[in-house]
PDB file of N, CA and C in Angstrom:
ATOM      1  N   MET A   1       3.604  10.871  -6.177  1.00  0.00           N
ATOM      2  CA  MET A   1       3.073   9.556  -5.936  1.00  0.00           C
ATOM      3  C   MET A   1       2.009   9.669  -4.841  1.00  0.00           C
ATOM      4  N   GLU A   2       0.814   9.206  -5.157  1.00  0.00           N
ATOM      5  CA  GLU A   2      -0.297   9.255  -4.207  1.00  0.00           C
ATOM      6  C   GLU A   2      -0.840   7.848  -3.979  1.00  0.00           C
ATOM      7  N   MET A   3      -1.435   7.638  -2.817  1.00  0.00           N
ATOM      8  CA  MET A   3      -1.941   6.317  -2.466  1.00  0.00           C
ATOM      9  C   MET A   3      -2.956   5.802  -3.487  1.00  0.00           C
ATOM     10  N   ILE A   4      -3.834   6.646  -3.975  1.00  0.00           N
ATOM     11  CA  ILE A   4      -4.836   6.191  -4.935  1.00  0.00           C
ATOM     12  C   ILE A   4      -4.170   5.643  -6.191  1.00  0.00           C
ATOM     13  N   ASP A   5      -3.085   6.256  -6.631  1.00  0.00           N
ATOM     14  CA  ASP A   5      -2.369   5.777  -7.819  1.00  0.00           C
ATOM     15  C   ASP A   5      -1.707   4.421  -7.552  1.00  0.00           C
ATOM     16  N   ILE A   6      -1.173   4.256  -6.357  1.00  0.00           N
ATOM     17  CA  ILE A   6      -0.555   2.991  -5.980  1.00  0.00           C
ATOM     18  C   ILE A   6      -1.617   1.895  -5.909  1.00  0.00           C
ATOM     19  N   LEU A   7      -2.764   2.199  -5.316  1.00  0.00           N
ATOM     20  CA  LEU A   7      -3.849   1.221  -5.232  1.00  0.00           C
ATOM     21  C   LEU A   7      -4.376   0.847  -6.615  1.00  0.00           C
ATOM     22  N   LYS A   8      -4.538   1.831  -7.477  1.00  0.00           N
ATOM     23  CA  LYS A   8      -5.006   1.536  -8.840  1.00  0.00           C
ATOM     24  C   LYS A   8      -4.034   0.619  -9.572  1.00  0.00           C
ATOM     25  N   ALA A   9      -2.742   0.894  -9.455  1.00  0.00           N
ATOM     26  CA  ALA A   9      -1.733   0.050 -10.099  1.00  0.00           C
ATOM     27  C   ALA A   9      -1.770  -1.358  -9.506  1.00  0.00           C
ATOM     28  N   SER A  10      -1.991  -1.456  -8.200  1.00  0.00           N
ATOM     29  CA  SER A  10      -2.076  -2.755  -7.539  1.00  0.00           C
ATOM     30  C   SER A  10      -3.244  -3.574  -8.084  1.00  0.00           C
ATOM     31  N   VAL A  11      -4.376  -2.919  -8.258  1.00  0.00           N
ATOM     32  CA  VAL A  11      -5.561  -3.593  -8.801  1.00  0.00           C
ATOM     33  C   VAL A  11      -5.299  -4.040 -10.229  1.00  0.00           C
ATOM     34  N   GLN A  12      -4.721  -3.164 -11.039  1.00  0.00           N
ATOM     35  CA  GLN A  12      -4.443  -3.509 -12.437  1.00  0.00           C
ATOM     36  C   GLN A  12      -3.511  -4.710 -12.545  1.00  0.00           C
ATOM     37  N   GLU A  13      -2.593  -4.857 -11.586  1.00  0.00           N
ATOM     38  CA  GLU A  13      -1.641  -5.969 -11.595  1.00  0.00           C
ATOM     39  C   GLU A  13      -2.209  -7.236 -10.961  1.00  0.00           C
ATOM     40  N   GLY A  14      -3.419  -7.138 -10.378  1.00  0.00           N
ATOM     41  CA  GLY A  14      -4.026  -8.305  -9.741  1.00  0.00           C
ATOM     42  C   GLY A  14      -3.427  -8.646  -8.387  1.00  0.00           C
ATOM     43  N   ALA A  15      -2.965  -7.630  -7.657  1.00  0.00           N
ATOM     44  CA  ALA A  15      -2.294  -7.844  -6.373  1.00  0.00           C
ATOM     45  C   ALA A  15      -3.272  -8.238  -5.270  1.00  0.00           C
ATOM     46  N   SER A  16      -2.767  -9.066  -4.363  1.00  0.00           N
ATOM     47  CA  SER A  16      -3.543  -9.415  -3.174  1.00  0.00           C
ATOM     48  C   SER A  16      -3.065  -8.631  -1.958  1.00  0.00           C
ATOM     49  N   ASP A  17      -1.829  -8.145  -1.987  1.00  0.00           N
ATOM     50  CA  ASP A  17      -1.243  -7.406  -0.870  1.00  0.00           C
ATOM     51  C   ASP A  17      -0.405  -6.253  -1.396  1.00  0.00           C
ATOM     52  N   LEU A  18      -0.274  -5.246  -0.550  1.00  0.00           N
ATOM     53  CA  LEU A  18       0.545  -4.083  -0.861  1.00  0.00           C
ATOM     54  C   LEU A  18       1.485  -3.846   0.310  1.00  0.00           C
ATOM     55  N   HIS A  19       2.774  -3.689   0.017  1.00  0.00           N
ATOM     56  CA  HIS A  19       3.790  -3.488   1.051  1.00  0.00           C
ATOM     57  C   HIS A  19       4.609  -2.244   0.731  1.00  0.00           C
ATOM     58  N   PHE A  20       4.978  -1.510   1.788  1.00  0.00           N
ATOM     59  CA  PHE A  20       5.879  -0.371   1.653  1.00  0.00           C
ATOM     60  C   PHE A  20       7.186  -0.719   2.324  1.00  0.00           C
ATOM     61  N   VAL A  21       8.268  -0.655   1.577  1.00  0.00           N
ATOM     62  CA  VAL A  21       9.608  -0.940   2.092  1.00  0.00           C
ATOM     63  C   VAL A  21      10.494   0.240   1.708  1.00  0.00           C
ATOM     64  N   ILE A  22      11.072   0.894   2.697  1.00  0.00           N
ATOM     65  CA  ILE A  22      11.921   2.049   2.437  1.00  0.00           C
ATOM     66  C   ILE A  22      13.106   1.623   1.571  1.00  0.00           C
ATOM     67  N   GLY A  23      13.355   2.425   0.528  1.00  0.00           N
ATOM     68  CA  GLY A  23      14.452   2.140  -0.391  1.00  0.00           C
ATOM     69  C   GLY A  23      14.039   1.298  -1.587  1.00  0.00           C
ATOM     70  N   GLN A  24      12.754   0.919  -1.643  1.00  0.00           N
ATOM     71  CA  GLN A  24      12.233   0.148  -2.770  1.00  0.00           C
ATOM     72  C   GLN A  24      10.927   0.776  -3.232  1.00  0.00           C
ATOM     73  N   PRO A  25      10.520   0.513  -4.476  1.00  0.00           N
ATOM     74  CA  PRO A  25       9.208   0.981  -4.908  1.00  0.00           C
ATOM     75  C   PRO A  25       8.128   0.259  -4.095  1.00  0.00           C
ATOM     76  N   PRO A  26       6.885   0.747  -4.106  1.00  0.00           N
ATOM     77  CA  PRO A  26       5.815  -0.015  -3.464  1.00  0.00           C
ATOM     78  C   PRO A  26       5.833  -1.451  -4.003  1.00  0.00           C
ATOM     79  N   MET A  27       5.658  -2.410  -3.101  1.00  0.00           N
ATOM     80  CA  MET A  27       5.736  -3.826  -3.460  1.00  0.00           C
ATOM     81  C   MET A  27       4.332  -4.435  -3.413  1.00  0.00           C
ATOM     82  N   ILE A  28       4.040  -5.336  -4.357  1.00  0.00           N
ATOM     83  CA  ILE A  28       2.760  -6.027  -4.376  1.00  0.00           C
ATOM     84  C   ILE A  28       2.990  -7.535  -4.404  1.00  0.00           C
ATOM     85  N   ARG A  29       2.005  -8.259  -3.903  1.00  0.00           N
ATOM     86  CA  ARG A  29       2.046  -9.715  -3.975  1.00  0.00           C
ATOM     87  C   ARG A  29       1.051 -10.146  -5.050  1.00  0.00           C
ATOM     88  N   VAL A  30       1.556 -10.838  -6.056  1.00  0.00           N
ATOM     89  CA  VAL A  30       0.734 -11.357  -7.139  1.00  0.00           C
ATOM     90  C   VAL A  30       1.038 -12.846  -7.267  1.00  0.00           C
ATOM     91  N   ASP A  31      -0.004 -13.668  -7.177  1.00  0.00           N
ATOM     92  CA  ASP A  31       0.166 -15.121  -7.257  1.00  0.00           C
ATOM     93  C   ASP A  31       1.227 -15.626  -6.279  1.00  0.00           C
ATOM     94  N   GLY A  32       1.227 -15.050  -5.077  1.00  0.00           N
ATOM     95  CA  GLY A  32       2.138 -15.488  -4.032  1.00  0.00           C
ATOM     96  C   GLY A  32       3.540 -14.922  -4.100  1.00  0.00           C
ATOM     97  N   GLU A  33       3.860 -14.161  -5.143  1.00  0.00           N
ATOM     98  CA  GLU A  33       5.211 -13.612  -5.316  1.00  0.00           C
ATOM     99  C   GLU A  33       5.210 -12.108  -5.046  1.00  0.00           C
ATOM    100  N   LEU A  34       6.186 -11.652  -4.283  1.00  0.00           N
ATOM    101  CA  LEU A  34       6.340 -10.236  -3.984  1.00  0.00           C
ATOM    102  C   LEU A  34       7.188  -9.591  -5.063  1.00  0.00           C
ATOM    103  N   ARG A  35       6.684  -8.462  -5.619  1.00  0.00           N
ATOM    104  CA  ARG A  35       7.431  -7.773  -6.677  1.00  0.00           C
ATOM    105  C   ARG A  35       7.149  -6.270  -6.618  1.00  0.00           C
ATOM    106  N   PRO A  36       8.058  -5.468  -7.161  1.00  0.00           N
ATOM    107  CA  PRO A  36       7.859  -4.010  -7.145  1.00  0.00           C
ATOM    108  C   PRO A  36       6.839  -3.576  -8.193  1.00  0.00           C
ATOM    109  N   ILE A  37       6.195  -2.451  -7.913  1.00  0.00           N
ATOM    110  CA  ILE A  37       5.384  -1.786  -8.937  1.00  0.00           C
ATOM    111  C   ILE A  37       6.365  -0.872  -9.663  1.00  0.00           C
ATOM    112  N   LYS A  38       6.758  -1.251 -10.847  1.00  0.00           N
ATOM    113  CA  LYS A  38       7.890  -0.622 -11.528  1.00  0.00           C
ATOM    114  C   LYS A  38       7.683   0.831 -11.921  1.00  0.00           C
ATOM    115  N   GLU A  39       6.442   1.277 -12.077  1.00  0.00           N
ATOM    116  CA  GLU A  39       6.256   2.662 -12.513  1.00  0.00           C
ATOM    117  C   GLU A  39       6.439   3.683 -11.390  1.00  0.00           C
ATOM    118  N   PHE A  40       6.667   3.199 -10.164  1.00  0.00           N
ATOM    119  CA  PHE A  40       6.872   4.108  -9.041  1.00  0.00           C
ATOM    120  C   PHE A  40       8.327   4.081  -8.597  1.00  0.00           C
ATOM    121  N   PRO A  41       8.826   5.225  -8.128  1.00  0.00           N
ATOM    122  CA  PRO A  41      10.222   5.274  -7.657  1.00  0.00           C
ATOM    123  C   PRO A  41      10.366   4.614  -6.291  1.00  0.00           C
ATOM    124  N   SER A  42      11.596   4.415  -5.890  1.00  0.00           N
ATOM    125  CA  SER A  42      11.871   3.888  -4.552  1.00  0.00           C
ATOM    126  C   SER A  42      11.347   4.869  -3.513  1.00  0.00           C
ATOM    127  N   LEU A  43      10.867   4.322  -2.420  1.00  0.00           N
ATOM    128  CA  LEU A  43      10.278   5.129  -1.357  1.00  0.00           C
ATOM    129  C   LEU A  43      11.334   5.598  -0.359  1.00  0.00           C
ATOM    130  N   THR A  44      11.253   6.848  -0.003  1.00  0.00           N
ATOM    131  CA  THR A  44      12.049   7.358   1.109  1.00  0.00           C
ATOM    132  C   THR A  44      11.207   7.177   2.374  1.00  0.00           C
ATOM    133  N   ALA A  45      11.834   7.291   3.524  1.00  0.00           N
ATOM    134  CA  ALA A  45      11.092   7.198   4.781  1.00  0.00           C
ATOM    135  C   ALA A  45      10.038   8.293   4.852  1.00  0.00           C
ATOM    136  N   GLN A  46      10.411   9.497   4.435  1.00  0.00           N
ATOM    137  CA  GLN A  46       9.481  10.627   4.482  1.00  0.00           C
ATOM    138  C   GLN A  46       8.292  10.411   3.547  1.00  0.00           C
ATOM    139  N   GLU A  47       8.539   9.935   2.338  1.00  0.00           N
ATOM    140  CA  GLU A  47       7.457   9.692   1.378  1.00  0.00           C
ATOM    141  C   GLU A  47       6.550   8.553   1.856  1.00  0.00           C
ATOM    142  N   SER A  48       7.133   7.504   2.400  1.00  0.00           N
ATOM    143  CA  SER A  48       6.335   6.387   2.926  1.00  0.00           C
ATOM    144  C   SER A  48       5.404   6.867   4.023  1.00  0.00           C
ATOM    145  N   ARG A  49       5.965   7.631   4.938  1.00  0.00           N
ATOM    146  CA  ARG A  49       5.167   8.154   6.050  1.00  0.00           C
ATOM    147  C   ARG A  49       4.023   9.034   5.537  1.00  0.00           C
ATOM    148  N   ARG A  50       4.321   9.929   4.598  1.00  0.00           N
ATOM    149  CA  ARG A  50       3.292  10.817   4.063  1.00  0.00           C
ATOM    150  C   ARG A  50       2.156  10.020   3.427  1.00  0.00           C
ATOM    151  N   ILE A  51       2.497   9.030   2.627  1.00  0.00           N
ATOM    152  CA  ILE A  51       1.483   8.236   1.939  1.00  0.00           C
ATOM    153  C   ILE A  51       0.654   7.417   2.926  1.00  0.00           C
ATOM    154  N   ILE A  52       1.320   6.740   3.818  1.00  0.00           N
ATOM    155  CA  ILE A  52       0.614   5.848   4.747  1.00  0.00           C
ATOM    156  C   ILE A  52      -0.258   6.633   5.720  1.00  0.00           C
ATOM    157  N   TYR A  53       0.249   7.736   6.229  1.00  0.00           N
ATOM    158  CA  TYR A  53      -0.514   8.493   7.222  1.00  0.00           C
ATOM    159  C   TYR A  53      -1.778   9.123   6.642  1.00  0.00           C
ATOM    160  N   THR A  54      -1.889   9.226   5.326  1.00  0.00           N
ATOM    161  CA  THR A  54      -3.136   9.746   4.741  1.00  0.00           C
ATOM    162  C   THR A  54      -4.293   8.785   4.968  1.00  0.00           C
ATOM    163  N   LEU A  55      -4.002   7.517   5.267  1.00  0.00           N
ATOM    164  CA  LEU A  55      -5.037   6.500   5.476  1.00  0.00           C
ATOM    165  C   LEU A  55      -5.428   6.303   6.926  1.00  0.00           C
ATOM    166  N   LEU A  56      -4.602   6.759   7.847  1.00  0.00           N
ATOM    167  CA  LEU A  56      -4.744   6.385   9.247  1.00  0.00           C
ATOM    168  C   LEU A  56      -5.535   7.373  10.077  1.00  0.00           C
ATOM    169  N   SER A  57      -6.258   6.821  11.028  1.00  0.00           N
ATOM    170  CA  SER A  57      -6.868   7.650  12.059  1.00  0.00           C
ATOM    171  C   SER A  57      -5.751   8.109  12.997  1.00  0.00           C
ATOM    172  N   ILE A  58      -6.068   9.002  13.879  1.00  0.00           N
ATOM    173  CA  ILE A  58      -5.065   9.488  14.834  1.00  0.00           C
ATOM    174  C   ILE A  58      -4.561   8.338  15.699  1.00  0.00           C
ATOM    175  N   SER A  59      -5.465   7.478  16.177  1.00  0.00           N
ATOM    176  CA  SER A  59      -5.025   6.371  17.050  1.00  0.00           C
ATOM    177  C   SER A  59      -4.178   5.363  16.281  1.00  0.00           C
ATOM    178  N   SER A  60      -4.526   5.082  15.041  1.00  0.00           N
ATOM    179  CA  SER A  60      -3.721   4.159  14.237  1.00  0.00           C
ATOM    180  C   SER A  60      -2.346   4.757  13.943  1.00  0.00           C
ATOM    181  N   GLY A  61      -2.306   6.067  13.708  1.00  0.00           N
ATOM    182  CA  GLY A  61      -1.030   6.746  13.496  1.00  0.00           C
ATOM    183  C   GLY A  61      -0.129   6.635  14.715  1.00  0.00           C
ATOM    184  N   ARG A  62      -0.728   6.703  15.897  1.00  0.00           N
ATOM    185  CA  ARG A  62       0.051   6.552  17.130  1.00  0.00           C
ATOM    186  C   ARG A  62       0.618   5.140  17.242  1.00  0.00           C
ATOM    187  N   VAL A  63      -0.204   4.135  16.886  1.00  0.00           N
ATOM    188  CA  VAL A  63       0.275   2.742  16.925  1.00  0.00           C
ATOM    189  C   VAL A  63       1.459   2.579  15.971  1.00  0.00           C
ATOM    190  N   LEU A  64       1.324   3.099  14.771  1.00  0.00           N
ATOM    191  CA  LEU A  64       2.407   2.985  13.789  1.00  0.00           C
ATOM    192  C   LEU A  64       3.662   3.701  14.282  1.00  0.00           C
ATOM    193  N   SER A  65       3.503   4.891  14.824  1.00  0.00           N
ATOM    194  CA  SER A  65       4.661   5.639  15.332  1.00  0.00           C
ATOM    195  C   SER A  65       5.345   4.898  16.479  1.00  0.00           C
ATOM    196  N   ARG A  66       4.554   4.271  17.345  1.00  0.00           N
ATOM    197  CA  ARG A  66       5.102   3.594  18.516  1.00  0.00           C
ATOM    198  C   ARG A  66       5.739   2.259  18.167  1.00  0.00           C
ATOM    199  N   THR A  67       5.104   1.478  17.282  1.00  0.00           N
ATOM    200  CA  THR A  67       5.553   0.107  17.023  1.00  0.00           C
ATOM    201  C   THR A  67       6.317  -0.064  15.711  1.00  0.00           C
ATOM    202  N   GLY A  68       6.112   0.865  14.767  1.00  0.00           N
ATOM    203  CA  GLY A  68       6.729   0.725  13.451  1.00  0.00           C
ATOM    204  C   GLY A  68       5.975  -0.241  12.555  1.00  0.00           C
ATOM    205  N   ASN A  69       4.798  -0.685  13.001  1.00  0.00           N
ATOM    206  CA  ASN A  69       4.014  -1.645  12.231  1.00  0.00           C
ATOM    207  C   ASN A  69       2.534  -1.323  12.380  1.00  0.00           C
ATOM    208  N   TRP A  70       1.784  -1.557  11.324  1.00  0.00           N
ATOM    209  CA  TRP A  70       0.342  -1.357  11.377  1.00  0.00           C
ATOM    210  C   TRP A  70      -0.294  -2.228  10.317  1.00  0.00           C
ATOM    211  N   THR A  71      -1.325  -2.962  10.702  1.00  0.00           N
ATOM    212  CA  THR A  71      -2.101  -3.769   9.775  1.00  0.00           C
ATOM    213  C   THR A  71      -3.521  -3.242   9.811  1.00  0.00           C
ATOM    214  N   SER A  72      -4.078  -3.012   8.652  1.00  0.00           N
ATOM    215  CA  SER A  72      -5.426  -2.478   8.567  1.00  0.00           C
ATOM    216  C   SER A  72      -6.422  -3.423   9.231  1.00  0.00           C
ATOM    217  N   PRO A  73      -7.284  -2.902  10.116  1.00  0.00           N
ATOM    218  CA  PRO A  73      -8.277  -3.756  10.763  1.00  0.00           C
ATOM    219  C   PRO A  73      -9.489  -4.017   9.876  1.00  0.00           C
ATOM    220  N   PHE A  74      -9.492  -3.474   8.696  1.00  0.00           N
ATOM    221  CA  PHE A  74     -10.617  -3.651   7.774  1.00  0.00           C
ATOM    222  C   PHE A  74     -10.083  -3.758   6.355  1.00  0.00           C
ATOM    223  N   PRO A  75     -10.825  -4.445   5.492  1.00  0.00           N
ATOM    224  CA  PRO A  75     -10.354  -4.586   4.104  1.00  0.00           C
ATOM    225  C   PRO A  75     -10.567  -3.300   3.313  1.00  0.00           C
ATOM    226  N   TRP A  76      -9.691  -3.057   2.372  1.00  0.00           N
ATOM    227  CA  TRP A  76      -9.840  -1.970   1.419  1.00  0.00           C
ATOM    228  C   TRP A  76     -10.381  -2.593   0.144  1.00  0.00           C
ATOM    229  N   THR A  77     -11.414  -2.016  -0.429  1.00  0.00           N
ATOM    230  CA  THR A  77     -12.000  -2.572  -1.635  1.00  0.00           C
ATOM    231  C   THR A  77     -12.030  -1.518  -2.726  1.00  0.00           C
ATOM    232  N   MET A  78     -11.571  -1.889  -3.908  1.00  0.00           N
ATOM    233  CA  MET A  78     -11.656  -1.045  -5.095  1.00  0.00           C
ATOM    234  C   MET A  78     -12.271  -1.893  -6.189  1.00  0.00           C
ATOM    235  N   SER A  79     -13.124  -1.285  -7.014  1.00  0.00           N
ATOM    236  CA  SER A  79     -13.711  -2.084  -8.074  1.00  0.00           C
ATOM    237  C   SER A  79     -12.903  -1.919  -9.351  1.00  0.00           C
ATOM    238  N   ARG A  80     -12.887  -2.991 -10.131  1.00  0.00           N
ATOM    239  CA  ARG A  80     -12.269  -2.981 -11.440  1.00  0.00           C
ATOM    240  C   ARG A  80     -13.256  -3.618 -12.389  1.00  0.00           C
ATOM    241  N   GLY A  81     -12.942  -3.675 -13.648  1.00  0.00           N
ATOM    242  CA  GLY A  81     -13.875  -4.183 -14.654  1.00  0.00           C
ATOM    243  C   GLY A  81     -14.513  -5.513 -14.320  1.00  0.00           C
ATOM    244  N   SER A  82     -13.748  -6.440 -13.746  1.00  0.00           N
ATOM    245  CA  SER A  82     -14.274  -7.772 -13.470  1.00  0.00           C
ATOM    246  C   SER A  82     -14.876  -7.893 -12.075  1.00  0.00           C
ATOM    247  N   GLY A  83     -14.924  -6.818 -11.322  1.00  0.00           N
ATOM    248  CA  GLY A  83     -15.478  -6.863  -9.973  1.00  0.00           C
ATOM    249  C   GLY A  83     -14.545  -6.243  -8.967  1.00  0.00           C
ATOM    250  N   PRO A  84     -14.942  -6.247  -7.688  1.00  0.00           N
ATOM    251  CA  PRO A  84     -14.135  -5.596  -6.661  1.00  0.00           C
ATOM    252  C   PRO A  84     -12.866  -6.372  -6.323  1.00  0.00           C
ATOM    253  N   THR A  85     -11.864  -5.634  -5.891  1.00  0.00           N
ATOM    254  CA  THR A  85     -10.610  -6.203  -5.405  1.00  0.00           C
ATOM    255  C   THR A  85     -10.431  -5.698  -3.987  1.00  0.00           C
ATOM    256  N   SER A  86     -10.129  -6.570  -3.072  1.00  0.00           N
ATOM    257  CA  SER A  86      -9.936  -6.187  -1.668  1.00  0.00           C
ATOM    258  C   SER A  86      -8.483  -6.320  -1.272  1.00  0.00           C
ATOM    259  N   PHE A  87      -8.044  -5.447  -0.368  1.00  0.00           N
ATOM    260  CA  PHE A  87      -6.712  -5.509   0.211  1.00  0.00           C
ATOM    261  C   PHE A  87      -6.857  -5.697   1.692  1.00  0.00           C
TER     262      PHE A  87
END
């Protein structure tokens, strides 16, 4: 499971948000409802950390390690057939 695959699935499902919860598959918000991306397995703490840390700068990684929380300071944009999708 790689972040790009999770993001692609999120775009295909029309998600506005992406959440990682240990013990559950990656979760997306579609039309205000939170639901799992069913094609992915439940996340372990180790797998969540590996996936998330691929996106972070060193300073952001330190914030996440210290606080257990991190919100992207910039939008992520991927394009799909009908136009770009931002996270």
